[in-house]
Amino acid sequence: MEFQRTTNEFFMTDAQMAELFGVSAKTISRALDRLESLEIIKRNTKTINSKRVRTIKFNQEAVERLVKQ
């Protein structure tokens, strides 16, 4: 996993997250779909080290709004 502190962005595959959290890749996919629908994350693709990867960017403002509820 790679994380950019200045942009709140990281890249990691669903399979890597599934292994890390001990769940299936499908569970990760559903969780990411839900987080994106709540505007907590945004998924994009970009080229890093000559490879196309999916990136996930956190929306800190959305997280803070949820915490205040």
C-alpha atoms as a PDB file:
ATOM      1  CA  MET A   1       0.000   0.000   0.000  1.00  0.00           C
ATOM      2  CA  GLU A   2       1.192   3.458  -0.822  1.00  0.00           C
ATOM      3  CA  PHE A   3      -0.302   6.542   0.842  1.00  0.00           C
ATOM      4  CA  GLN A   4       0.190  10.172  -0.100  1.00  0.00           C
ATOM      5  CA  ARG A   5      -0.279  12.297   3.021  1.00  0.00           C
ATOM      6  CA  THR A   6      -0.599  15.503   1.035  1.00  0.00           C
ATOM      7  CA  THR A   7      -3.468  14.200  -1.121  1.00  0.00           C
ATOM      8  CA  ASN A   8      -5.157  11.642   1.197  1.00  0.00           C
ATOM      9  CA  GLU A   9      -4.770   9.153  -1.646  1.00  0.00           C
ATOM     10  CA  PHE A  10      -3.578   5.537  -1.688  1.00  0.00           C
ATOM     11  CA  PHE A  11      -3.548   2.548  -3.972  1.00  0.00           C
ATOM     12  CA  MET A  12      -4.197  -1.035  -2.989  1.00  0.00           C
ATOM     13  CA  THR A  13      -6.039  -3.843  -4.777  1.00  0.00           C
ATOM     14  CA  ASP A  14      -9.259  -5.368  -3.464  1.00  0.00           C
ATOM     15  CA  ALA A  15      -7.381  -8.663  -3.029  1.00  0.00           C
ATOM     16  CA  GLN A  16      -4.700  -6.971  -0.910  1.00  0.00           C
ATOM     17  CA  MET A  17      -7.340  -5.301   1.283  1.00  0.00           C
ATOM     18  CA  ALA A  18      -9.257  -8.582   1.572  1.00  0.00           C
ATOM     19  CA  GLU A  19      -6.152 -10.363   2.816  1.00  0.00           C
ATOM     20  CA  LEU A  20      -5.334  -7.540   5.227  1.00  0.00           C
ATOM     21  CA  PHE A  21      -8.838  -7.485   6.748  1.00  0.00           C
ATOM     22  CA  GLY A  22      -9.549 -11.221   6.506  1.00  0.00           C
ATOM     23  CA  VAL A  23     -12.620 -10.902   4.264  1.00  0.00           C
ATOM     24  CA  SER A  24     -13.435 -11.668   0.643  1.00  0.00           C
ATOM     25  CA  ALA A  25     -12.585  -9.350  -2.245  1.00  0.00           C
ATOM     26  CA  LYS A  26     -16.331  -9.112  -2.948  1.00  0.00           C
ATOM     27  CA  THR A  27     -16.885  -7.782   0.594  1.00  0.00           C
ATOM     28  CA  ILE A  28     -14.198  -5.156  -0.023  1.00  0.00           C
ATOM     29  CA  SER A  29     -15.807  -4.202  -3.318  1.00  0.00           C
ATOM     30  CA  ARG A  30     -19.232  -3.757  -1.671  1.00  0.00           C
ATOM     31  CA  ALA A  31     -17.714  -1.729   1.174  1.00  0.00           C
ATOM     32  CA  LEU A  32     -15.895   0.565  -1.271  1.00  0.00           C
ATOM     33  CA  ASP A  33     -19.122   1.006  -3.258  1.00  0.00           C
ATOM     34  CA  ARG A  34     -20.904   2.072  -0.063  1.00  0.00           C
ATOM     35  CA  LEU A  35     -18.116   4.443   1.018  1.00  0.00           C
ATOM     36  CA  GLU A  36     -18.147   6.019  -2.428  1.00  0.00           C
ATOM     37  CA  SER A  37     -21.940   6.438  -2.345  1.00  0.00           C
ATOM     38  CA  LEU A  38     -21.520   8.279   0.987  1.00  0.00           C
ATOM     39  CA  GLU A  39     -18.837  10.452  -0.672  1.00  0.00           C
ATOM     40  CA  ILE A  40     -16.256   9.346   1.913  1.00  0.00           C
ATOM     41  CA  ILE A  41     -13.941   8.075  -0.814  1.00  0.00           C
ATOM     42  CA  LYS A  42     -13.461   8.645  -4.515  1.00  0.00           C
ATOM     43  CA  ARG A  43     -11.935   6.001  -6.778  1.00  0.00           C
ATOM     44  CA  ASN A  44      -9.795   6.974  -9.761  1.00  0.00           C
ATOM     45  CA  THR A  45      -7.076   5.446 -11.896  1.00  0.00           C
ATOM     46  CA  LYS A  46      -3.630   6.837 -12.519  1.00  0.00           C
ATOM     47  CA  THR A  47      -0.263   5.712 -13.802  1.00  0.00           C
ATOM     48  CA  ILE A  48       2.310   5.030 -11.094  1.00  0.00           C
ATOM     49  CA  ASN A  49       5.705   3.561 -11.997  1.00  0.00           C
ATOM     50  CA  SER A  50       4.479   2.857 -15.557  1.00  0.00           C
ATOM     51  CA  LYS A  51       1.505   0.817 -14.279  1.00  0.00           C
ATOM     52  CA  ARG A  52      -2.167   1.759 -14.291  1.00  0.00           C
ATOM     53  CA  VAL A  53      -3.566   1.480 -10.751  1.00  0.00           C
ATOM     54  CA  ARG A  54      -6.814   2.329  -9.043  1.00  0.00           C
ATOM     55  CA  THR A  55      -6.412   4.991  -6.396  1.00  0.00           C
ATOM     56  CA  ILE A  56      -8.695   5.767  -3.489  1.00  0.00           C
ATOM     57  CA  LYS A  57      -8.876   9.268  -2.111  1.00  0.00           C
ATOM     58  CA  PHE A  58     -10.395  10.054   1.285  1.00  0.00           C
ATOM     59  CA  ASN A  59     -12.751  12.994   1.675  1.00  0.00           C
ATOM     60  CA  GLN A  60     -11.825  14.277   5.129  1.00  0.00           C
ATOM     61  CA  GLU A  61     -14.754  16.728   5.205  1.00  0.00           C
ATOM     62  CA  ALA A  62     -17.263  13.906   4.658  1.00  0.00           C
ATOM     63  CA  VAL A  63     -15.661  11.860   7.425  1.00  0.00           C
ATOM     64  CA  GLU A  64     -15.863  14.807   9.824  1.00  0.00           C
ATOM     65  CA  ARG A  65     -19.542  15.362   8.955  1.00  0.00           C
ATOM     66  CA  LEU A  66     -20.327  11.722   9.773  1.00  0.00           C
ATOM     67  CA  VAL A  67     -18.442  11.890  13.064  1.00  0.00           C
ATOM     68  CA  LYS A  68     -20.471  14.938  14.146  1.00  0.00           C
ATOM     69  CA  GLN A  69     -23.807  13.144  13.559  1.00  0.00           C
END
